[in-house]
C-alpha atoms as a PDB file:
ATOM      1  CA  MET A   1       0.000   0.000   0.000  1.00  0.00           C
ATOM      2  CA  ILE A   2       1.180   3.513  -0.827  1.00  0.00           C
ATOM      3  CA  LEU A   3       0.346   6.464   1.424  1.00  0.00           C
ATOM      4  CA  TYR A   4       0.586   9.610  -0.692  1.00  0.00           C
ATOM      5  CA  VAL A   5       0.765  12.758   1.453  1.00  0.00           C
ATOM      6  CA  SER A   6      -0.094  16.297   0.380  1.00  0.00           C
ATOM      7  CA  TRP A   7      -0.684  19.563   2.241  1.00  0.00           C
ATOM      8  CA  GLY A   8      -1.135  23.237   1.477  1.00  0.00           C
ATOM      9  CA  GLY A   9      -1.599  22.686  -2.255  1.00  0.00           C
ATOM     10  CA  SER A  10       1.325  20.291  -2.768  1.00  0.00           C
ATOM     11  CA  GLY A  11      -0.758  17.546  -4.388  1.00  0.00           C
ATOM     12  CA  ARG A  12       0.143  18.195  -8.020  1.00  0.00           C
ATOM     13  CA  ALA A  13      -1.508  15.961 -10.632  1.00  0.00           C
ATOM     14  CA  ALA A  14       1.839  14.765 -12.014  1.00  0.00           C
ATOM     15  CA  SER A  15       2.923  13.678  -8.527  1.00  0.00           C
ATOM     16  CA  VAL A  16      -0.363  11.831  -7.989  1.00  0.00           C
ATOM     17  CA  ARG A  17       0.143   9.981 -11.297  1.00  0.00           C
ATOM     18  CA  ALA A  18       3.661   9.018 -10.215  1.00  0.00           C
ATOM     19  CA  ALA A  19       2.393   7.749  -6.851  1.00  0.00           C
ATOM     20  CA  MET A  20      -0.390   5.788  -8.531  1.00  0.00           C
ATOM     21  CA  SER A  21       2.078   4.294 -11.011  1.00  0.00           C
ATOM     22  CA  ARG A  22       4.219   3.164  -8.083  1.00  0.00           C
ATOM     23  CA  ALA A  23       1.136   1.624  -6.432  1.00  0.00           C
ATOM     24  CA  LEU A  24       0.344  -0.238  -9.656  1.00  0.00           C
ATOM     25  CA  ALA A  25       3.857  -1.677  -9.704  1.00  0.00           C
ATOM     26  CA  GLN A  26       3.408  -3.269  -6.265  1.00  0.00           C
ATOM     27  CA  GLU A  27       2.770  -6.956  -5.943  1.00  0.00           C
ATOM     28  CA  GLU A  28      -0.856  -7.720  -5.204  1.00  0.00           C
ATOM     29  CA  SER A  29       0.205  -9.826  -2.229  1.00  0.00           C
ATOM     30  CA  VAL A  30       1.399  -6.697  -0.372  1.00  0.00           C
ATOM     31  CA  GLY A  31      -1.931  -4.876  -0.705  1.00  0.00           C
ATOM     32  CA  ARG A  32      -1.765  -2.933  -3.942  1.00  0.00           C
ATOM     33  CA  GLY A  33      -3.458   0.411  -3.465  1.00  0.00           C
ATOM     34  CA  LEU A  34      -3.137   4.136  -2.922  1.00  0.00           C
ATOM     35  CA  ARG A  35      -4.278   6.109   0.094  1.00  0.00           C
ATOM     36  CA  TYR A  36      -4.258   9.836  -0.531  1.00  0.00           C
ATOM     37  CA  LEU A  37      -3.774  11.720   2.732  1.00  0.00           C
ATOM     38  CA  ALA A  38      -4.538  15.417   2.386  1.00  0.00           C
ATOM     39  CA  VAL A  39      -3.548  17.419   5.442  1.00  0.00           C
ATOM     40  CA  LEU A  40      -5.177  20.748   6.174  1.00  0.00           C
ATOM     41  CA  ASP A  41      -2.021  21.929   7.884  1.00  0.00           C
ATOM     42  CA  ASP A  42      -1.896  24.554  10.593  1.00  0.00           C
ATOM     43  CA  GLY A  43       0.393  26.816   8.571  1.00  0.00           C
ATOM     44  CA  SER A  44      -2.146  27.131   5.759  1.00  0.00           C
ATOM     45  CA  PHE A  45      -5.504  26.708   7.523  1.00  0.00           C
ATOM     46  CA  ALA A  46      -5.104  27.810  11.171  1.00  0.00           C
ATOM     47  CA  ASP A  47      -7.156  30.974  10.629  1.00  0.00           C
ATOM     48  CA  LEU A  48     -10.330  29.059   9.654  1.00  0.00           C
ATOM     49  CA  ASP A  49     -13.032  28.181  12.180  1.00  0.00           C
ATOM     50  CA  ASP A  50     -14.187  24.566  12.626  1.00  0.00           C
ATOM     51  CA  ASN A  51     -17.330  24.941  10.486  1.00  0.00           C
ATOM     52  CA  THR A  52     -15.374  26.390   7.584  1.00  0.00           C
ATOM     53  CA  LEU A  53     -12.691  23.705   7.956  1.00  0.00           C
ATOM     54  CA  ASP A  54     -15.397  21.030   7.796  1.00  0.00           C
ATOM     55  CA  LEU A  55     -16.681  22.525   4.535  1.00  0.00           C
ATOM     56  CA  VAL A  56     -13.148  22.749   3.121  1.00  0.00           C
ATOM     57  CA  ALA A  57     -12.466  19.116   4.105  1.00  0.00           C
ATOM     58  CA  ASP A  58     -15.687  17.876   2.465  1.00  0.00           C
ATOM     59  CA  GLU A  59     -15.011  19.785  -0.748  1.00  0.00           C
ATOM     60  CA  LEU A  60     -11.381  18.664  -0.828  1.00  0.00           C
ATOM     61  CA  ARG A  61     -12.367  15.014  -0.316  1.00  0.00           C
ATOM     62  CA  TRP A  62     -14.829  15.237  -3.213  1.00  0.00           C
ATOM     63  CA  LEU A  63     -12.275  16.896  -5.521  1.00  0.00           C
ATOM     64  CA  LEU A  64      -9.548  14.385  -4.654  1.00  0.00           C
ATOM     65  CA  GLU A  65     -11.849  11.413  -5.201  1.00  0.00           C
ATOM     66  CA  ALA A  66     -12.633  12.803  -8.664  1.00  0.00           C
ATOM     67  CA  GLN A  67      -8.915  13.372  -9.349  1.00  0.00           C
ATOM     68  CA  LEU A  68      -8.073   9.799  -8.346  1.00  0.00           C
ATOM     69  CA  GLU A  69     -10.818   8.339 -10.543  1.00  0.00           C
ATOM     70  CA  LEU A  70      -9.588  10.384 -13.514  1.00  0.00           C
ATOM     71  CA  THR A  71      -5.996   9.325 -12.864  1.00  0.00           C
ATOM     72  CA  LYS A  72      -7.073   5.673 -12.632  1.00  0.00           C
ATOM     73  CA  ARG A  73      -8.671   5.990 -16.075  1.00  0.00           C
ATOM     74  CA  GLN A  74      -5.556   7.669 -17.498  1.00  0.00           C
ATOM     75  CA  LEU A  75      -3.360   4.842 -16.193  1.00  0.00           C
ATOM     76  CA  ASP A  76      -5.825   2.046 -17.005  1.00  0.00           C
ATOM     77  CA  ALA A  77      -5.922   1.134 -13.318  1.00  0.00           C
ATOM     78  CA  ALA A  78      -9.616   0.387 -12.765  1.00  0.00           C
ATOM     79  CA  ASP A  79      -8.819  -2.412 -10.305  1.00  0.00           C
ATOM     80  CA  LEU A  80      -6.521  -0.317  -8.097  1.00  0.00           C
ATOM     81  CA  ILE A  81      -7.924   0.360  -4.630  1.00  0.00           C
ATOM     82  CA  VAL A  82      -7.855   4.075  -3.787  1.00  0.00           C
ATOM     83  CA  GLU A  83      -8.956   5.953  -0.689  1.00  0.00           C
ATOM     84  CA  VAL A  84      -8.985   9.630   0.270  1.00  0.00           C
ATOM     85  CA  LEU A  85      -8.343  10.727   3.842  1.00  0.00           C
ATOM     86  CA  VAL A  86      -8.484  14.363   4.952  1.00  0.00           C
ATOM     87  CA  ARG A  87      -6.927  15.308   8.282  1.00  0.00           C
ATOM     88  CA  ARG A  88      -6.208  18.550  10.106  1.00  0.00           C
ATOM     89  CA  GLY A  89      -3.074  19.699  11.908  1.00  0.00           C
ATOM     90  CA  ASP A  90       0.589  18.792  11.701  1.00  0.00           C
ATOM     91  CA  VAL A  91       1.710  16.810   8.636  1.00  0.00           C
ATOM     92  CA  VAL A  92       3.989  14.442  10.566  1.00  0.00           C
ATOM     93  CA  GLU A  93       1.375  13.741  13.244  1.00  0.00           C
ATOM     94  CA  ALA A  94      -1.286  13.088  10.594  1.00  0.00           C
ATOM     95  CA  VAL A  95       0.946  10.531   8.850  1.00  0.00           C
ATOM     96  CA  VAL A  96       1.823   8.817  12.142  1.00  0.00           C
ATOM     97  CA  ASP A  97      -1.875   8.631  13.076  1.00  0.00           C
ATOM     98  CA  VAL A  98      -2.955   7.214   9.707  1.00  0.00           C
ATOM     99  CA  LEU A  99      -0.244   4.552   9.715  1.00  0.00           C
ATOM    100  CA  GLY A 100      -1.264   3.611  13.254  1.00  0.00           C
ATOM    101  CA  GLU A 101      -4.917   3.320  12.248  1.00  0.00           C
ATOM    102  CA  ARG A 102      -4.618   1.787   8.778  1.00  0.00           C
ATOM    103  CA  GLY A 103      -1.414  -0.243   8.984  1.00  0.00           C
ATOM    104  CA  PRO A 104       1.923  -0.104   7.226  1.00  0.00           C
ATOM    105  CA  ALA A 105       2.469   1.646   3.933  1.00  0.00           C
ATOM    106  CA  GLU A 106       5.237   3.182   1.899  1.00  0.00           C
ATOM    107  CA  VAL A 107       5.006   6.952   2.433  1.00  0.00           C
ATOM    108  CA  LEU A 108       5.368   9.252  -0.565  1.00  0.00           C
ATOM    109  CA  ILE A 109       5.540  12.985   0.022  1.00  0.00           C
ATOM    110  CA  GLY A 110       3.519  14.637  -2.722  1.00  0.00           C
ATOM    111  CA  ALA A 111       5.815  17.324  -4.010  1.00  0.00           C
ATOM    112  CA  PRO A 112       9.012  19.098  -3.055  1.00  0.00           C
ATOM    113  CA  VAL A 113       7.198  21.928  -1.303  1.00  0.00           C
ATOM    114  CA  THR A 114       7.953  22.663   2.339  1.00  0.00           C
ATOM    115  CA  PRO A 115       4.804  23.008   4.453  1.00  0.00           C
ATOM    116  CA  ALA A 116       4.264  26.658   5.365  1.00  0.00           C
ATOM    117  CA  GLY A 117       4.661  27.366   9.049  1.00  0.00           C
ATOM    118  CA  SER A 118       5.658  23.764   9.750  1.00  0.00           C
ATOM    119  CA  GLY A 119       9.064  24.400  11.257  1.00  0.00           C
ATOM    120  CA  TYR A 120      10.782  22.408   8.506  1.00  0.00           C
ATOM    121  CA  ALA A 121      13.278  24.339   6.386  1.00  0.00           C
ATOM    122  CA  THR A 122      13.153  21.897   3.468  1.00  0.00           C
ATOM    123  CA  VAL A 123      11.018  19.033   2.266  1.00  0.00           C
ATOM    124  CA  ASP A 124      13.960  16.718   3.047  1.00  0.00           C
ATOM    125  CA  ASP A 125      13.784  17.884   6.690  1.00  0.00           C
ATOM    126  CA  LEU A 126      10.138  16.837   6.660  1.00  0.00           C
ATOM    127  CA  ARG A 127      11.039  13.498   5.043  1.00  0.00           C
ATOM    128  CA  GLN A 128      13.667  12.859   7.716  1.00  0.00           C
ATOM    129  CA  ALA A 129      11.237  13.795  10.508  1.00  0.00           C
ATOM    130  CA  LEU A 130       8.720  11.311   9.127  1.00  0.00           C
ATOM    131  CA  ALA A 131      11.334   8.604   8.651  1.00  0.00           C
ATOM    132  CA  GLY A 132      12.353   9.036  12.287  1.00  0.00           C
ATOM    133  CA  ARG A 133       8.773   8.532  13.493  1.00  0.00           C
ATOM    134  CA  VAL A 134       7.472   5.677  11.344  1.00  0.00           C
ATOM    135  CA  GLU A 135       8.641   2.210  10.411  1.00  0.00           C
ATOM    136  CA  ALA A 136       8.127   2.747   6.723  1.00  0.00           C
ATOM    137  CA  ARG A 137      10.056   3.851   3.677  1.00  0.00           C
ATOM    138  CA  VAL A 138       9.559   7.603   3.237  1.00  0.00           C
ATOM    139  CA  SER A 139      10.470   9.412   0.038  1.00  0.00           C
ATOM    140  CA  VAL A 140       9.551  12.389  -2.103  1.00  0.00           C
ATOM    141  CA  VAL A 141       7.735  11.261  -5.238  1.00  0.00           C
ATOM    142  CA  GLU A 142       9.055  12.822  -8.410  1.00  0.00           C
ATOM    143  CA  PRO A 143       6.261  13.970 -10.723  1.00  0.00           C
ATOM    144  CA  LEU A 144       5.725  12.175 -14.014  1.00  0.00           C
ATOM    145  CA  PRO A 145       5.944  14.414 -17.058  1.00  0.00           C
ATOM    146  CA  THR A 146       2.566  15.547 -18.300  1.00  0.00           C
END
């Protein structure tokens, strides 16, 4: 299973295609699929009240589900299991929580964009922070050319 992580607008379509391609390349015996974790991070969304955040989360979930279905069609991946999760707060904590709830997965960071207000100077700092907290391979997915 692949856990693709995006936040603050980092979920570019080319990166999603690359993550889905990697999920397709997995052996079916290891649970071939893609979980898309979108984090409404504090740096980008802290000024919104809970009601507005709920609306943003619902709209984002709907948009991401549509994006994943379109990407599945583009890659001829109708049988690939996909799931969208939307969480609030710190990116690292959201990943740790999802892996604890849903089980192991390879973690792919959606794009080389450092989360605003996260305390991480670079996306590699974020990758290292995640790698230090989870027992999973963590890498930055390179976008496929469009």
